[in-house]
N, C-alpha and C. Protein backbone atom coordinates (compact mmCIF):
# COMPACT_ATOMS: atom_id res chain seq x y z
N MET A 1 89.50 38.88 178.03
CA MET A 1 90.76 39.35 178.54
C MET A 1 90.95 40.76 178.86
N GLY A 2 90.32 41.58 177.70
CA GLY A 2 90.36 43.04 178.01
C GLY A 2 89.93 43.43 179.31
N VAL A 3 88.87 42.67 179.72
CA VAL A 3 88.23 43.03 180.98
C VAL A 3 89.08 42.74 182.08
N ILE A 4 89.74 41.51 182.09
CA ILE A 4 90.57 41.20 182.91
C ILE A 4 91.72 42.01 183.08
N ALA A 5 92.26 42.49 181.96
CA ALA A 5 93.65 43.25 182.03
C ALA A 5 93.04 44.74 182.51
N THR A 6 91.83 45.06 182.18
CA THR A 6 91.37 46.45 182.70
C THR A 6 91.39 46.54 184.45
N ILE A 7 90.53 45.45 184.84
CA ILE A 7 90.51 45.12 186.25
C ILE A 7 92.00 45.08 186.87
N HIS A 8 92.76 44.55 186.31
CA HIS A 8 94.21 44.39 186.78
C HIS A 8 94.85 45.71 186.77
N GLY A 9 94.62 46.40 185.72
CA GLY A 9 95.19 47.84 185.62
C GLY A 9 94.85 48.77 186.49
N GLY A 10 93.50 48.80 186.87
CA GLY A 10 92.71 49.64 187.94
C GLY A 10 93.41 49.12 189.44
N LYS A 11 93.52 47.71 189.68
CA LYS A 11 94.14 47.44 190.68
C LYS A 11 95.67 48.01 191.11
N MET A 12 96.32 47.91 189.99
CA MET A 12 97.57 48.35 189.90
C MET A 12 97.75 49.82 190.11
N LYS A 13 96.79 50.64 189.56
CA LYS A 13 97.05 51.93 189.75
C LYS A 13 96.76 52.54 191.04
N LYS A 14 95.40 51.77 191.80
CA LYS A 14 95.01 52.03 192.94
C LYS A 14 96.30 51.77 194.11
N THR A 15 96.88 50.81 193.63
CA THR A 15 98.10 49.95 194.61
C THR A 15 99.18 51.17 194.48
N LEU A 16 99.68 51.74 193.24
CA LEU A 16 100.70 52.59 193.01
C LEU A 16 100.28 54.02 193.82
N LEU A 17 98.97 54.31 193.76
CA LEU A 17 98.63 55.49 194.43
C LEU A 17 98.76 55.64 195.79
N LEU A 18 98.31 54.45 196.60
CA LEU A 18 98.39 54.13 197.71
C LEU A 18 99.78 54.06 198.52
N THR A 19 100.48 53.26 197.70
CA THR A 19 101.96 53.19 197.86
C THR A 19 102.46 54.45 198.11
N MET A 20 102.18 55.44 197.22
CA MET A 20 102.92 57.02 196.89
C MET A 20 102.11 57.71 197.90
N LEU A 21 101.16 57.77 198.28
CA LEU A 21 100.33 58.34 199.64
C LEU A 21 101.09 57.94 200.75
N LEU A 22 101.43 56.52 201.05
CA LEU A 22 101.95 56.20 202.39
C LEU A 22 103.45 56.56 202.22
N ALA A 23 104.10 56.59 201.09
CA ALA A 23 105.47 57.07 201.04
C ALA A 23 105.43 58.44 201.65
N GLY A 24 104.47 59.34 200.94
CA GLY A 24 104.50 60.60 201.42
C GLY A 24 104.32 60.78 202.75
N LEU A 25 103.28 60.16 203.51
CA LEU A 25 102.94 60.42 204.90
C LEU A 25 104.20 59.92 205.42
N GLY A 26 104.81 58.84 205.30
CA GLY A 26 106.06 58.55 206.31
C GLY A 26 107.37 59.33 205.66
N ALA A 27 107.33 60.16 204.54
CA ALA A 27 108.39 60.95 204.64
C ALA A 27 108.14 62.31 205.28
N THR A 28 106.89 62.71 205.47
CA THR A 28 106.56 63.88 206.02
C THR A 28 107.41 64.17 207.73
N PRO A 29 107.26 63.12 208.33
CA PRO A 29 108.04 63.42 209.64
C PRO A 29 109.48 63.50 209.76
N ALA A 30 110.04 63.38 208.43
CA ALA A 30 111.47 63.74 208.11
C ALA A 30 111.93 65.20 208.35
N TYR A 31 110.84 65.92 207.57
CA TYR A 31 110.92 67.25 207.46
C TYR A 31 110.54 67.96 208.50
N ALA A 32 109.68 67.36 209.42
CA ALA A 32 109.03 68.17 210.74
C ALA A 32 109.88 67.82 211.92
N GLY A 33 109.55 69.22 212.64
CA GLY A 33 110.50 69.17 213.92
C GLY A 33 110.61 70.57 214.44
N TYR A 34 111.12 70.79 215.69
CA TYR A 34 111.30 72.06 216.15
C TYR A 34 112.47 72.62 215.66
N TYR A 35 112.82 73.92 215.89
CA TYR A 35 114.02 74.51 215.37
C TYR A 35 114.18 75.86 216.44
N VAL A 36 115.23 76.35 216.33
CA VAL A 36 115.55 77.50 216.98
C VAL A 36 116.38 78.74 215.59
N SER A 37 116.51 79.73 215.81
CA SER A 37 117.01 80.65 214.98
C SER A 37 117.34 82.10 215.49
N GLY A 38 118.40 82.49 215.02
CA GLY A 38 118.86 83.66 215.49
C GLY A 38 119.42 84.63 214.29
N SER A 39 119.00 85.91 214.49
CA SER A 39 119.55 86.95 213.20
C SER A 39 119.69 88.25 213.43
N VAL A 40 120.47 88.67 212.83
CA VAL A 40 120.97 90.38 212.96
C VAL A 40 120.73 91.02 211.46
N GLY A 41 120.46 92.19 211.52
CA GLY A 41 120.41 93.13 210.29
C GLY A 41 120.35 94.57 210.38
N HIS A 42 119.74 94.95 209.40
CA HIS A 42 119.97 96.42 209.24
C HIS A 42 118.44 97.12 209.35
N ALA A 43 118.18 97.83 210.25
CA ALA A 43 117.03 98.45 210.35
C ALA A 43 116.94 99.72 209.75
N ILE A 44 116.13 99.81 209.09
CA ILE A 44 115.84 101.29 208.17
C ILE A 44 114.68 101.82 208.69
N SER A 45 114.92 102.78 209.46
CA SER A 45 113.40 103.33 210.14
C SER A 45 113.01 104.52 209.07
N GLY A 46 111.69 104.33 209.15
CA GLY A 46 110.82 105.55 208.43
C GLY A 46 110.74 106.81 209.22
N ASP A 47 110.37 107.86 208.66
CA ASP A 47 110.24 109.10 209.73
C ASP A 47 109.20 108.70 210.77
N LEU A 48 109.50 109.43 211.90
CA LEU A 48 108.40 109.33 212.96
C LEU A 48 107.59 110.53 212.90
N ASN A 49 106.20 110.32 212.32
CA ASN A 49 105.41 111.41 211.88
C ASN A 49 104.18 111.62 213.00
N TYR A 50 104.19 112.89 213.60
CA TYR A 50 103.18 113.45 214.67
C TYR A 50 102.30 114.25 213.83
N LYS A 51 101.04 113.83 214.37
CA LYS A 51 99.74 114.55 213.84
C LYS A 51 98.72 114.82 215.31
N SER A 52 98.64 115.91 215.43
CA SER A 52 97.86 116.42 216.61
C SER A 52 96.13 115.81 216.32
N PRO A 53 95.88 115.44 217.62
CA PRO A 53 94.54 114.87 217.85
C PRO A 53 93.61 115.77 217.04
N ASN A 54 93.50 117.15 217.33
CA ASN A 54 92.52 118.27 216.70
C ASN A 54 92.82 118.40 215.35
N LEU A 55 94.11 117.96 214.85
CA LEU A 55 94.57 117.91 213.33
C LEU A 55 94.53 119.66 213.04
N ILE A 56 94.74 120.40 214.09
CA ILE A 56 94.73 121.90 214.00
C ILE A 56 96.32 122.45 214.25
N ASP A 57 97.06 121.82 214.93
CA ASP A 57 98.34 122.03 215.23
C ASP A 57 99.13 121.36 214.17
N PRO A 58 100.37 122.30 213.80
CA PRO A 58 101.02 121.51 212.74
C PRO A 58 101.92 120.30 213.01
N ASP A 59 101.81 119.51 211.95
CA ASP A 59 102.52 118.22 212.38
C ASP A 59 104.27 118.29 212.30
N ALA A 60 104.57 117.41 212.68
CA ALA A 60 106.18 117.39 212.74
C ALA A 60 106.80 116.07 212.32
N SER A 61 107.70 115.87 211.97
CA SER A 61 108.58 114.56 211.73
C SER A 61 109.96 114.31 212.26
N VAL A 62 109.90 113.51 212.77
CA VAL A 62 111.57 113.04 213.62
C VAL A 62 112.24 112.04 212.90
N ILE A 63 113.33 112.25 212.14
CA ILE A 63 113.99 111.53 211.55
C ILE A 63 115.11 110.62 212.24
N HIS A 64 115.16 109.43 211.90
CA HIS A 64 116.15 108.44 212.49
C HIS A 64 117.22 108.01 211.40
N ASP A 65 118.29 107.80 211.83
CA ASP A 65 119.19 107.14 211.16
C ASP A 65 119.05 105.74 211.07
N SER A 66 119.85 104.66 210.24
CA SER A 66 119.54 103.48 210.14
C SER A 66 120.19 102.68 211.46
N GLY A 67 119.46 101.46 211.80
CA GLY A 67 120.19 101.10 213.10
C GLY A 67 120.35 99.69 212.86
N ILE A 68 120.54 99.09 214.07
CA ILE A 68 120.56 97.58 214.16
C ILE A 68 119.68 96.70 214.76
N ALA A 69 119.09 95.75 213.97
CA ALA A 69 117.87 94.82 214.50
C ALA A 69 118.44 93.44 214.86
N LEU A 70 117.68 92.90 215.96
CA LEU A 70 118.30 91.57 216.28
C LEU A 70 117.05 90.78 216.67
N ASN A 71 117.16 89.46 216.35
CA ASN A 71 115.84 88.42 216.13
C ASN A 71 116.34 87.00 216.61
N GLY A 72 115.37 86.51 217.67
CA GLY A 72 115.72 85.27 218.16
C GLY A 72 114.12 84.51 218.18
N ALA A 73 114.24 83.31 217.90
CA ALA A 73 112.71 82.64 217.62
C ALA A 73 113.13 81.24 217.95
N PHE A 74 111.82 80.57 218.37
CA PHE A 74 111.70 79.30 218.62
C PHE A 74 110.25 78.60 217.78
N GLY A 75 110.72 77.44 216.89
CA GLY A 75 109.41 77.26 216.09
C GLY A 75 109.37 75.98 215.92
N TYR A 76 108.53 75.62 215.18
CA TYR A 76 108.08 74.20 214.67
C TYR A 76 107.89 74.18 212.85
N ASN A 77 108.83 73.27 212.49
CA ASN A 77 108.63 73.05 211.12
C ASN A 77 107.61 71.96 210.55
N PHE A 78 106.51 72.30 210.05
CA PHE A 78 105.79 71.19 209.45
C PHE A 78 106.04 70.48 208.28
N GLY A 79 106.88 71.10 207.54
CA GLY A 79 107.21 70.50 205.99
C GLY A 79 107.31 71.80 205.04
N THR A 80 106.55 72.28 204.66
CA THR A 80 106.25 73.46 203.78
C THR A 80 105.73 74.54 204.45
N THR A 81 105.34 74.68 206.07
CA THR A 81 104.70 75.66 206.76
C THR A 81 105.64 75.73 208.10
N ARG A 82 105.78 76.86 208.74
CA ARG A 82 106.50 76.90 210.05
C ARG A 82 105.58 78.11 210.75
N LEU A 83 105.74 77.43 212.03
CA LEU A 83 105.11 78.48 213.03
C LEU A 83 106.22 78.94 214.23
N GLU A 84 106.22 80.01 214.72
CA GLU A 84 107.60 80.32 215.58
C GLU A 84 106.87 81.63 216.47
N ALA A 85 107.52 81.60 217.67
CA ALA A 85 107.38 82.51 218.56
C ALA A 85 108.82 83.33 218.46
N ALA A 86 108.85 84.56 218.28
CA ALA A 86 110.05 85.28 218.13
C ALA A 86 110.25 86.56 219.07
N VAL A 87 111.22 86.91 219.53
CA VAL A 87 111.36 87.97 220.22
C VAL A 87 112.51 88.96 219.37
N GLY A 88 112.21 90.23 219.08
CA GLY A 88 113.17 91.39 218.44
C GLY A 88 113.47 92.50 219.33
N TYR A 89 114.49 93.01 218.67
CA TYR A 89 114.79 94.33 219.18
C TYR A 89 115.49 95.08 218.30
N GLN A 90 115.27 96.41 218.06
CA GLN A 90 115.71 97.22 217.21
C GLN A 90 116.04 98.87 217.73
N GLU A 91 116.92 99.36 217.49
CA GLU A 91 117.19 100.77 218.17
C GLU A 91 117.91 101.59 216.73
N ASN A 92 117.16 102.63 216.48
CA ASN A 92 117.74 103.86 215.69
C ASN A 92 118.01 105.18 216.23
N ALA A 93 119.21 105.64 215.95
CA ALA A 93 119.51 106.84 216.67
C ALA A 93 118.80 108.11 216.08
N TYR A 94 118.73 109.12 216.48
CA TYR A 94 117.95 110.44 216.30
C TYR A 94 119.05 111.06 215.19
N ASN A 95 118.27 111.81 214.19
CA ASN A 95 119.17 112.56 213.18
C ASN A 95 118.97 113.99 213.52
N ARG A 96 117.07 114.15 213.07
CA ARG A 96 116.81 115.61 213.42
C ARG A 96 115.23 115.52 213.42
N GLU A 97 114.67 116.77 213.73
CA GLU A 97 113.35 117.05 213.54
C GLU A 97 112.93 118.03 212.78
N VAL A 98 112.11 117.65 211.79
CA VAL A 98 111.34 118.93 211.02
C VAL A 98 110.01 119.12 211.28
N ASP A 99 109.68 120.37 211.41
CA ASP A 99 108.30 120.88 211.70
C ASP A 99 107.40 121.10 210.47
N ALA A 100 106.51 121.37 210.37
CA ALA A 100 105.53 121.44 209.22
C ALA A 100 105.94 122.52 208.27
N ASP A 101 106.61 123.75 209.34
CA ASP A 101 107.05 124.82 208.32
C ASP A 101 108.15 124.86 207.74
N GLY A 102 108.98 123.42 208.01
CA GLY A 102 110.38 123.64 207.28
C GLY A 102 111.38 123.50 208.38
N SER A 103 111.09 124.06 209.73
CA SER A 103 112.12 124.37 210.61
C SER A 103 112.81 123.09 211.03
N VAL A 104 114.30 123.12 211.22
CA VAL A 104 114.87 121.88 211.54
C VAL A 104 115.59 122.03 212.86
N TYR A 105 115.16 121.07 213.77
CA TYR A 105 115.84 121.11 215.38
C TYR A 105 116.54 119.95 215.21
N TYR A 106 117.77 120.17 215.94
CA TYR A 106 118.55 118.98 216.35
C TYR A 106 118.64 118.95 217.98
N SER A 107 117.72 120.00 218.80
CA SER A 107 117.56 119.85 220.21
C SER A 107 116.47 120.55 220.73
N THR A 108 115.92 120.20 221.61
CA THR A 108 114.59 120.82 221.69
C THR A 108 114.30 120.62 223.65
N TRP A 109 113.56 121.68 224.00
CA TRP A 109 113.39 121.63 225.44
C TRP A 109 112.53 120.48 225.96
N ASN A 110 112.67 119.63 226.69
CA ASN A 110 111.76 118.58 227.08
C ASN A 110 111.19 118.49 228.85
N PRO A 111 109.95 118.93 228.73
CA PRO A 111 109.72 118.95 229.99
C PRO A 111 109.52 118.03 230.94
N VAL A 112 109.39 116.63 230.27
CA VAL A 112 109.46 115.57 230.97
C VAL A 112 110.87 115.31 231.81
N LEU A 113 111.77 115.46 230.96
CA LEU A 113 113.07 115.31 231.56
C LEU A 113 113.58 116.60 232.16
N GLY A 114 113.15 117.81 232.08
CA GLY A 114 113.52 119.04 232.46
C GLY A 114 114.92 119.58 231.96
N ARG A 115 114.98 119.44 230.73
CA ARG A 115 116.40 119.84 230.12
C ARG A 115 116.15 119.86 228.74
N TYR A 116 117.04 120.45 227.83
CA TYR A 116 117.44 120.28 226.69
C TYR A 116 117.78 118.81 226.12
N VAL A 117 117.06 118.18 224.95
CA VAL A 117 117.31 116.88 224.69
C VAL A 117 117.66 117.16 223.11
N SER A 118 118.68 116.22 223.05
CA SER A 118 119.38 115.97 221.46
C SER A 118 119.35 114.50 221.12
N ASP A 119 118.93 113.66 222.28
CA ASP A 119 118.91 112.34 221.74
C ASP A 119 117.43 111.74 221.75
N PHE A 120 116.80 111.73 220.41
CA PHE A 120 115.66 111.17 220.34
C PHE A 120 115.56 109.72 219.84
N HIS A 121 116.61 108.91 220.21
CA HIS A 121 116.63 107.79 219.55
C HIS A 121 115.27 106.93 220.03
N LEU A 122 114.79 106.05 219.27
CA LEU A 122 113.67 105.17 219.26
C LEU A 122 114.17 103.62 219.21
N SER A 123 113.67 103.00 220.26
CA SER A 123 113.99 101.59 220.38
C SER A 123 112.50 100.75 220.30
N ALA A 124 112.38 99.69 219.74
CA ALA A 124 111.44 98.78 219.78
C ALA A 124 111.73 97.18 220.12
N LEU A 125 110.91 96.92 221.53
CA LEU A 125 111.08 95.63 221.71
C LEU A 125 109.91 94.80 221.32
N THR A 126 110.06 93.75 220.34
CA THR A 126 108.81 93.08 219.92
C THR A 126 108.65 91.54 220.53
N VAL A 127 107.47 90.93 220.59
CA VAL A 127 107.06 89.66 220.91
C VAL A 127 105.99 89.35 219.77
N MET A 128 106.25 88.37 219.00
CA MET A 128 105.54 88.11 217.71
C MET A 128 105.26 86.71 217.58
N ALA A 129 104.15 86.41 216.98
CA ALA A 129 103.94 85.07 216.72
C ALA A 129 104.19 85.18 214.90
N ASN A 130 104.89 84.18 214.38
CA ASN A 130 105.10 84.67 213.02
C ASN A 130 104.80 82.96 212.38
N GLY A 131 104.22 83.22 211.04
CA GLY A 131 103.96 82.21 210.10
C GLY A 131 104.66 82.12 208.74
N TYR A 132 105.23 80.86 208.35
CA TYR A 132 105.96 80.97 207.17
C TYR A 132 105.73 80.10 206.22
N TYR A 133 105.73 80.16 204.75
CA TYR A 133 105.28 79.32 203.88
C TYR A 133 106.70 78.89 203.08
N ASP A 134 107.04 77.91 202.97
CA ASP A 134 108.60 77.56 202.35
C ASP A 134 108.08 76.97 201.13
N PHE A 135 108.64 77.51 199.80
CA PHE A 135 108.61 76.99 198.68
C PHE A 135 109.64 75.75 198.35
N ASN A 136 108.90 74.66 198.01
CA ASN A 136 109.55 73.61 197.68
C ASN A 136 110.28 73.93 196.40
N THR A 137 111.86 73.51 196.21
CA THR A 137 112.52 73.64 195.11
C THR A 137 113.40 72.47 194.77
N VAL A 138 113.86 72.08 193.38
CA VAL A 138 115.03 71.27 193.25
C VAL A 138 116.08 71.62 194.01
N SER A 139 116.59 72.84 194.05
CA SER A 139 117.86 73.25 194.79
C SER A 139 117.69 73.35 196.09
N GLY A 140 119.03 73.71 196.81
CA GLY A 140 118.71 73.68 198.25
C GLY A 140 118.52 74.99 198.66
N ILE A 141 117.93 75.98 197.87
CA ILE A 141 117.47 76.86 198.18
C ILE A 141 115.99 77.29 198.25
N LYS A 142 115.58 77.48 199.39
CA LYS A 142 113.95 77.36 199.63
C LYS A 142 113.33 78.97 199.80
N PRO A 143 112.72 79.65 198.95
CA PRO A 143 112.26 80.97 198.96
C PRO A 143 111.17 80.92 199.89
N TYR A 144 110.69 81.79 200.49
CA TYR A 144 109.52 81.66 201.37
C TYR A 144 108.82 82.98 201.52
N LEU A 145 107.48 83.31 202.15
CA LEU A 145 106.90 84.20 202.62
C LEU A 145 106.62 84.24 203.86
N MET A 146 106.29 85.23 204.98
CA MET A 146 106.11 85.23 205.97
C MET A 146 105.20 86.25 206.35
N ALA A 147 104.39 86.33 207.61
CA ALA A 147 103.64 87.41 208.35
C ALA A 147 103.34 87.06 209.88
N GLY A 148 103.30 87.89 210.47
CA GLY A 148 103.43 87.91 212.04
C GLY A 148 102.56 89.05 212.64
N ALA A 149 102.12 88.69 213.95
CA ALA A 149 101.43 89.77 214.70
C ALA A 149 101.81 89.54 216.07
N GLY A 150 101.87 90.47 216.87
CA GLY A 150 102.20 90.58 218.36
C GLY A 150 102.17 92.00 218.88
N ILE A 151 103.16 92.24 219.94
CA ILE A 151 103.11 93.49 220.67
C ILE A 151 104.38 94.16 220.50
N ALA A 152 104.55 95.22 220.57
CA ALA A 152 105.59 96.08 220.46
C ALA A 152 105.92 97.19 221.53
N ASN A 153 107.21 97.22 222.46
CA ASN A 153 107.25 98.14 223.27
C ASN A 153 107.91 99.31 222.89
N PHE A 154 107.66 100.47 222.60
CA PHE A 154 108.31 101.69 222.05
C PHE A 154 108.82 102.56 223.05
N LYS A 155 110.13 102.96 222.80
CA LYS A 155 110.77 103.90 223.86
C LYS A 155 111.46 104.90 223.12
N SER A 156 111.08 106.31 223.22
CA SER A 156 112.26 107.37 222.70
C SER A 156 113.14 107.80 223.76
N GLY A 157 114.25 108.31 223.04
CA GLY A 157 115.13 108.83 224.11
C GLY A 157 114.82 110.19 224.96
N ASP A 158 113.72 110.86 224.31
CA ASP A 158 113.30 111.81 225.14
C ASP A 158 112.08 111.63 226.21
N GLY A 159 111.71 110.12 226.17
CA GLY A 159 110.83 109.97 227.14
C GLY A 159 109.14 110.30 226.56
N TRP A 160 109.20 110.52 225.48
CA TRP A 160 107.79 111.04 225.00
C TRP A 160 107.06 110.10 224.41
N ILE A 161 107.63 109.09 224.25
CA ILE A 161 106.93 107.69 223.78
C ILE A 161 107.52 106.64 224.61
N ASP A 162 106.46 106.02 225.25
CA ASP A 162 106.90 104.72 226.07
C ASP A 162 105.67 104.12 226.61
N ASP A 163 105.38 103.34 225.59
CA ASP A 163 104.19 102.42 225.92
C ASP A 163 104.38 100.97 224.78
N THR A 164 103.18 100.19 224.99
CA THR A 164 103.22 98.99 224.19
C THR A 164 101.90 98.95 223.52
N TYR A 165 102.22 98.34 222.17
CA TYR A 165 101.11 98.53 220.98
C TYR A 165 100.95 97.22 220.30
N PHE A 166 99.79 97.07 219.53
CA PHE A 166 99.76 95.98 218.59
C PHE A 166 100.79 96.24 217.51
N ALA A 167 101.35 95.44 216.89
CA ALA A 167 102.23 95.35 215.84
C ALA A 167 102.22 94.21 214.83
N TRP A 168 102.40 94.52 213.32
CA TRP A 168 102.48 93.44 212.79
C TRP A 168 103.63 93.52 211.62
N GLN A 169 103.82 92.40 210.93
CA GLN A 169 104.95 92.40 210.09
C GLN A 169 104.71 91.42 208.76
N VAL A 170 104.96 91.76 207.82
CA VAL A 170 105.29 90.64 206.64
C VAL A 170 106.72 90.71 206.10
N GLY A 171 106.99 89.73 205.20
CA GLY A 171 108.36 89.66 204.89
C GLY A 171 108.38 88.47 203.61
N ALA A 172 109.70 88.59 203.38
CA ALA A 172 110.15 87.50 202.44
C ALA A 172 111.29 86.98 202.33
N GLY A 173 111.80 86.10 201.82
CA GLY A 173 113.52 85.73 201.72
C GLY A 173 113.55 84.23 201.40
N PHE A 174 114.71 83.73 201.44
CA PHE A 174 115.11 82.56 201.19
C PHE A 174 116.05 81.89 202.06
N GLY A 175 116.07 80.67 202.28
CA GLY A 175 116.92 79.87 203.09
C GLY A 175 117.79 78.96 202.16
N VAL A 176 118.68 79.01 202.77
CA VAL A 176 120.19 77.77 201.81
C VAL A 176 120.70 76.82 202.80
N LYS A 177 120.33 75.62 202.64
CA LYS A 177 120.99 74.77 203.52
C LYS A 177 122.38 74.56 203.54
N ILE A 178 123.35 74.69 204.52
CA ILE A 178 124.45 74.94 204.75
C ILE A 178 125.05 73.82 205.50
N ALA A 179 124.33 73.02 205.94
CA ALA A 179 125.09 71.85 206.69
C ALA A 179 123.74 70.78 206.77
N LYS A 180 123.85 69.51 207.57
CA LYS A 180 122.47 68.59 207.78
C LYS A 180 121.21 69.48 208.37
N ASN A 181 121.59 70.03 209.64
CA ASN A 181 120.41 70.53 210.20
C ASN A 181 120.25 72.05 210.21
N THR A 182 121.38 72.83 209.41
CA THR A 182 121.60 74.17 209.46
C THR A 182 121.16 74.83 208.30
N THR A 183 120.42 76.03 208.37
CA THR A 183 120.02 76.78 207.25
C THR A 183 120.30 78.21 207.42
N PHE A 184 121.09 78.73 206.31
CA PHE A 184 121.51 80.17 206.40
C PHE A 184 119.96 80.97 205.91
N ASP A 185 119.57 82.12 206.56
CA ASP A 185 118.51 82.73 206.02
C ASP A 185 118.72 84.13 205.81
N LEU A 186 118.31 84.56 204.88
CA LEU A 186 118.33 86.07 204.24
C LEU A 186 117.06 86.32 203.82
N GLY A 187 116.31 87.72 204.61
CA GLY A 187 115.14 88.19 204.43
C GLY A 187 114.82 89.47 204.52
N TYR A 188 113.89 89.92 204.11
CA TYR A 188 113.25 91.27 204.32
C TYR A 188 111.89 91.21 205.38
N ARG A 189 112.04 92.22 206.25
CA ARG A 189 110.73 92.37 207.22
C ARG A 189 110.36 94.01 207.01
N TYR A 190 108.99 93.76 206.82
CA TYR A 190 108.23 95.33 207.12
C TYR A 190 107.37 95.35 208.43
N LEU A 191 107.89 96.10 209.31
CA LEU A 191 107.45 96.12 210.72
C LEU A 191 106.60 97.27 210.67
N ARG A 192 105.21 97.32 211.54
CA ARG A 192 104.44 98.31 211.71
C ARG A 192 103.54 98.32 212.85
N PRO A 193 103.68 99.16 213.84
CA PRO A 193 102.74 99.00 214.93
C PRO A 193 101.49 99.99 214.50
N GLU A 194 100.51 99.62 215.36
CA GLU A 194 99.15 100.43 215.35
C GLU A 194 98.66 101.25 216.70
N GLY A 195 98.24 102.51 216.28
CA GLY A 195 97.69 103.23 217.51
C GLY A 195 98.68 103.89 218.50
N LEU A 196 99.90 104.02 217.64
CA LEU A 196 101.30 104.64 218.46
C LEU A 196 100.87 106.27 218.85
N ARG A 197 101.05 106.45 220.16
CA ARG A 197 100.62 107.95 220.36
C ARG A 197 101.83 108.42 221.51
N ASP A 198 102.24 109.72 221.53
CA ASP A 198 102.97 110.20 222.42
C ASP A 198 102.29 110.68 223.78
N LEU A 199 103.00 111.16 224.68
CA LEU A 199 102.50 111.82 226.08
C LEU A 199 101.36 112.41 225.84
N ASP A 200 101.32 113.45 224.64
CA ASP A 200 100.24 114.45 224.51
C ASP A 200 99.34 114.04 224.01
N GLY A 201 99.15 112.51 223.55
CA GLY A 201 98.06 111.94 222.81
C GLY A 201 98.05 112.55 221.08
N TRP A 202 99.26 112.78 220.82
CA TRP A 202 99.69 113.03 219.01
C TRP A 202 99.30 111.65 218.92
N HIS A 203 99.01 111.42 217.58
CA HIS A 203 99.03 110.36 216.79
C HIS A 203 100.39 110.22 216.15
N VAL A 204 100.97 109.07 216.13
CA VAL A 204 102.39 108.80 215.76
C VAL A 204 102.37 107.59 214.54
N ASN A 205 102.60 107.96 213.44
CA ASN A 205 102.93 106.98 212.50
C ASN A 205 104.33 106.55 212.29
N TRP A 206 104.71 105.32 212.11
CA TRP A 206 106.17 104.77 212.22
C TRP A 206 106.04 103.63 211.58
N GLU A 207 106.94 103.00 210.49
CA GLU A 207 107.36 101.93 210.01
C GLU A 207 108.77 101.60 209.87
N SER A 208 109.26 100.30 209.60
CA SER A 208 110.58 99.81 209.68
C SER A 208 110.66 99.00 208.59
N HIS A 209 112.05 99.30 207.88
CA HIS A 209 112.01 98.19 206.92
C HIS A 209 113.38 97.49 207.20
N ASN A 210 113.36 96.41 207.51
CA ASN A 210 114.67 95.44 207.90
C ASN A 210 115.13 94.44 207.03
N ILE A 211 116.38 94.27 206.66
CA ILE A 211 117.01 93.44 206.10
C ILE A 211 117.90 92.43 206.89
N MET A 212 117.34 91.10 207.18
CA MET A 212 117.82 90.24 208.39
C MET A 212 118.78 89.29 207.68
N ALA A 213 119.73 88.73 208.19
CA ALA A 213 120.47 87.75 207.87
C ALA A 213 121.10 86.55 209.40
N GLY A 214 120.69 85.45 209.29
CA GLY A 214 120.67 84.64 210.43
C GLY A 214 121.06 83.07 209.88
N ILE A 215 120.70 82.43 211.06
CA ILE A 215 121.08 80.99 210.90
C ILE A 215 119.69 80.31 211.86
N ARG A 216 119.29 79.28 211.17
CA ARG A 216 118.42 78.23 211.66
C ARG A 216 118.66 76.68 211.87
N TYR A 217 118.49 76.39 213.23
CA TYR A 217 118.98 74.94 213.29
C TYR A 217 117.98 74.16 213.73
N ASP A 218 117.73 73.14 213.19
CA ASP A 218 116.70 72.11 213.11
C ASP A 218 117.00 70.93 214.06
N PHE A 219 116.21 70.72 215.14
CA PHE A 219 116.46 69.54 215.82
C PHE A 219 115.93 68.04 215.28
């Protein structure tokens, strides 16, 4: 009798596990599907730091004000992971330039434009592939981590920066379900290009910290 009970118990466990597995597989498509999203945010620009190729000429920093960031994406939700293609744009207004000796400039002669320029705003148009990992929670709030890579076209108001470079970003945030197919998203993004240079070939270091809020709609 003990052997029979053990056999039946083993069959029941296998049946239960198989049932749970099939139920899980059957539930997966309910969470999967395409989505679109749009967001707007606060773009906190880091200083635009110039360094000469020969490292002899003094460095300079162009300081920008905070600006606006926009982002739109189309992606696919696999359940706990998401992949998307995204287009973003941000623009930061010029504040001032500070040279290595501490001199401060609010305008300077620009040989590209042939005049004095006081607008060195910086804009970035990005095309990125992003990946997300959503953490499952018992509440309607889902935290996530994200990372992305792609290209970014940078333009400065004085024409001294105008080219496309590789760029990457990382971030975190959370989504809140506000309707059956609609999620409110609040997140942080750290955006950085690589190999950025100006017309003189000077190395340019720049980064941006963006706080974004938006809506994601699942089809």
